[in-house]
């Protein structure tokens, strides 16, 4: 792992992993999967996972962009 990449982005991926694990628990342990309430719970869970994924990728992109900009500013200008 690049030391310039802040740990907060690693924690964001860990949080996304927890959301995915929570969704797996929901879909595999939902006793009312065939009912209207069970289907509604699964649909809401899917929406939460999709939004969490989008936000996670957005945050990772912003972080990577910041690191790349910073490394570009730190490089010396001119011939090596």
C-alpha atoms as a PDB file:
ATOM      1  CA  UNK A   1       0.000   0.000   0.000  1.00  0.00           C
ATOM      2  CA  UNK A   2       1.220   3.465  -0.855  1.00  0.00           C
ATOM      3  CA  UNK A   3       2.012   5.388   2.344  1.00  0.00           C
ATOM      4  CA  UNK A   4       0.685   8.591   0.782  1.00  0.00           C
ATOM      5  CA  UNK A   5      -2.800   7.104   0.478  1.00  0.00           C
ATOM      6  CA  UNK A   6      -4.697   8.032   3.662  1.00  0.00           C
ATOM      7  CA  UNK A   7      -6.037   5.271   5.865  1.00  0.00           C
ATOM      8  CA  UNK A   8      -9.528   6.775   5.904  1.00  0.00           C
ATOM      9  CA  UNK A   9     -10.087   5.289   2.451  1.00  0.00           C
ATOM     10  CA  UNK A  10      -9.156   1.852   3.727  1.00  0.00           C
ATOM     11  CA  UNK A  11     -11.709   2.336   6.502  1.00  0.00           C
ATOM     12  CA  UNK A  12     -14.318   3.310   3.908  1.00  0.00           C
ATOM     13  CA  UNK A  13     -13.742   0.010   2.096  1.00  0.00           C
ATOM     14  CA  UNK A  14     -14.032  -1.811   5.416  1.00  0.00           C
ATOM     15  CA  UNK A  15     -17.342  -0.059   6.063  1.00  0.00           C
ATOM     16  CA  UNK A  16     -18.547  -1.068   2.598  1.00  0.00           C
ATOM     17  CA  UNK A  17     -17.544  -4.647   3.374  1.00  0.00           C
ATOM     18  CA  UNK A  18     -19.692  -4.511   6.510  1.00  0.00           C
ATOM     19  CA  UNK A  19     -22.641  -3.284   4.437  1.00  0.00           C
ATOM     20  CA  UNK A  20     -22.157  -6.232   2.072  1.00  0.00           C
ATOM     21  CA  UNK A  21     -21.931  -8.708   4.949  1.00  0.00           C
ATOM     22  CA  UNK A  22     -25.099  -7.215   6.433  1.00  0.00           C
ATOM     23  CA  UNK A  23     -26.877  -7.670   3.124  1.00  0.00           C
ATOM     24  CA  UNK A  24     -25.737 -11.287   2.890  1.00  0.00           C
ATOM     25  CA  UNK A  25     -27.057 -11.915   6.381  1.00  0.00           C
ATOM     26  CA  UNK A  26     -30.346 -10.344   5.320  1.00  0.00           C
ATOM     27  CA  UNK A  27     -30.809 -12.437   2.199  1.00  0.00           C
ATOM     28  CA  UNK A  28     -29.695 -15.743   3.693  1.00  0.00           C
ATOM     29  CA  UNK A  29     -31.393 -15.467   7.088  1.00  0.00           C
ATOM     30  CA  UNK A  30     -34.657 -13.724   6.224  1.00  0.00           C
ATOM     31  CA  UNK A  31     -37.412 -16.163   7.222  1.00  0.00           C
ATOM     32  CA  UNK A  32     -40.086 -14.081   5.487  1.00  0.00           C
ATOM     33  CA  UNK A  33     -38.455 -13.986   2.050  1.00  0.00           C
ATOM     34  CA  UNK A  34     -41.634 -15.070   0.280  1.00  0.00           C
ATOM     35  CA  UNK A  35     -43.815 -12.425   1.880  1.00  0.00           C
ATOM     36  CA  UNK A  36     -44.381  -8.834   0.845  1.00  0.00           C
ATOM     37  CA  UNK A  37     -42.412  -7.578   3.856  1.00  0.00           C
ATOM     38  CA  UNK A  38     -39.529  -9.932   3.103  1.00  0.00           C
ATOM     39  CA  UNK A  39     -39.302  -8.819  -0.507  1.00  0.00           C
ATOM     40  CA  UNK A  40     -39.488  -5.181   0.599  1.00  0.00           C
ATOM     41  CA  UNK A  41     -36.617  -5.761   3.034  1.00  0.00           C
ATOM     42  CA  UNK A  42     -34.524  -7.314   0.261  1.00  0.00           C
ATOM     43  CA  UNK A  43     -35.273  -4.452  -2.139  1.00  0.00           C
ATOM     44  CA  UNK A  44     -34.308  -1.865   0.474  1.00  0.00           C
ATOM     45  CA  UNK A  45     -31.157  -3.860   1.227  1.00  0.00           C
ATOM     46  CA  UNK A  46     -30.260  -3.847  -2.467  1.00  0.00           C
ATOM     47  CA  UNK A  47     -30.716  -0.090  -2.633  1.00  0.00           C
ATOM     48  CA  UNK A  48     -28.513   0.411   0.423  1.00  0.00           C
ATOM     49  CA  UNK A  49     -25.774  -1.748  -1.105  1.00  0.00           C
ATOM     50  CA  UNK A  50     -25.897   0.094  -4.446  1.00  0.00           C
ATOM     51  CA  UNK A  51     -25.777   3.534  -2.828  1.00  0.00           C
ATOM     52  CA  UNK A  52     -22.969   2.429  -0.505  1.00  0.00           C
ATOM     53  CA  UNK A  53     -21.037   1.122  -3.518  1.00  0.00           C
ATOM     54  CA  UNK A  54     -21.475   4.360  -5.451  1.00  0.00           C
ATOM     55  CA  UNK A  55     -20.404   6.468  -2.472  1.00  0.00           C
ATOM     56  CA  UNK A  56     -17.444   4.187  -1.792  1.00  0.00           C
ATOM     57  CA  UNK A  57     -16.197   4.385  -5.387  1.00  0.00           C
ATOM     58  CA  UNK A  58     -16.729   8.149  -5.408  1.00  0.00           C
ATOM     59  CA  UNK A  59     -14.736   8.577  -2.195  1.00  0.00           C
ATOM     60  CA  UNK A  60     -11.951   6.305  -3.478  1.00  0.00           C
ATOM     61  CA  UNK A  61     -11.797   8.279  -6.734  1.00  0.00           C
ATOM     62  CA  UNK A  62     -11.547  11.592  -4.902  1.00  0.00           C
ATOM     63  CA  UNK A  63      -8.827  10.177  -2.653  1.00  0.00           C
ATOM     64  CA  UNK A  64      -6.825   8.786  -5.560  1.00  0.00           C
ATOM     65  CA  UNK A  65      -7.108  12.089  -7.392  1.00  0.00           C
ATOM     66  CA  UNK A  66      -5.827  13.990  -4.360  1.00  0.00           C
ATOM     67  CA  UNK A  67      -2.870  11.643  -3.976  1.00  0.00           C
ATOM     68  CA  UNK A  68      -2.003  11.926  -7.673  1.00  0.00           C
ATOM     69  CA  UNK A  69      -2.220  15.717  -7.587  1.00  0.00           C
ATOM     70  CA  UNK A  70      -0.036  15.853  -4.505  1.00  0.00           C
ATOM     71  CA  UNK A  71       2.571  13.536  -6.035  1.00  0.00           C
ATOM     72  CA  UNK A  72       2.580  15.643  -9.220  1.00  0.00           C
ATOM     73  CA  UNK A  73       3.248  18.774  -7.151  1.00  0.00           C
ATOM     74  CA  UNK A  74       6.059  17.063  -5.240  1.00  0.00           C
ATOM     75  CA  UNK A  75       7.944  16.019  -8.398  1.00  0.00           C
ATOM     76  CA  UNK A  76      10.787  18.281  -9.453  1.00  0.00           C
ATOM     77  CA  UNK A  77      10.283  20.230 -12.661  1.00  0.00           C
ATOM     78  CA  UNK A  78      12.888  20.004 -15.379  1.00  0.00           C
ATOM     79  CA  UNK A  79      15.305  17.390 -16.690  1.00  0.00           C
ATOM     80  CA  UNK A  80      16.476  14.746 -14.283  1.00  0.00           C
END
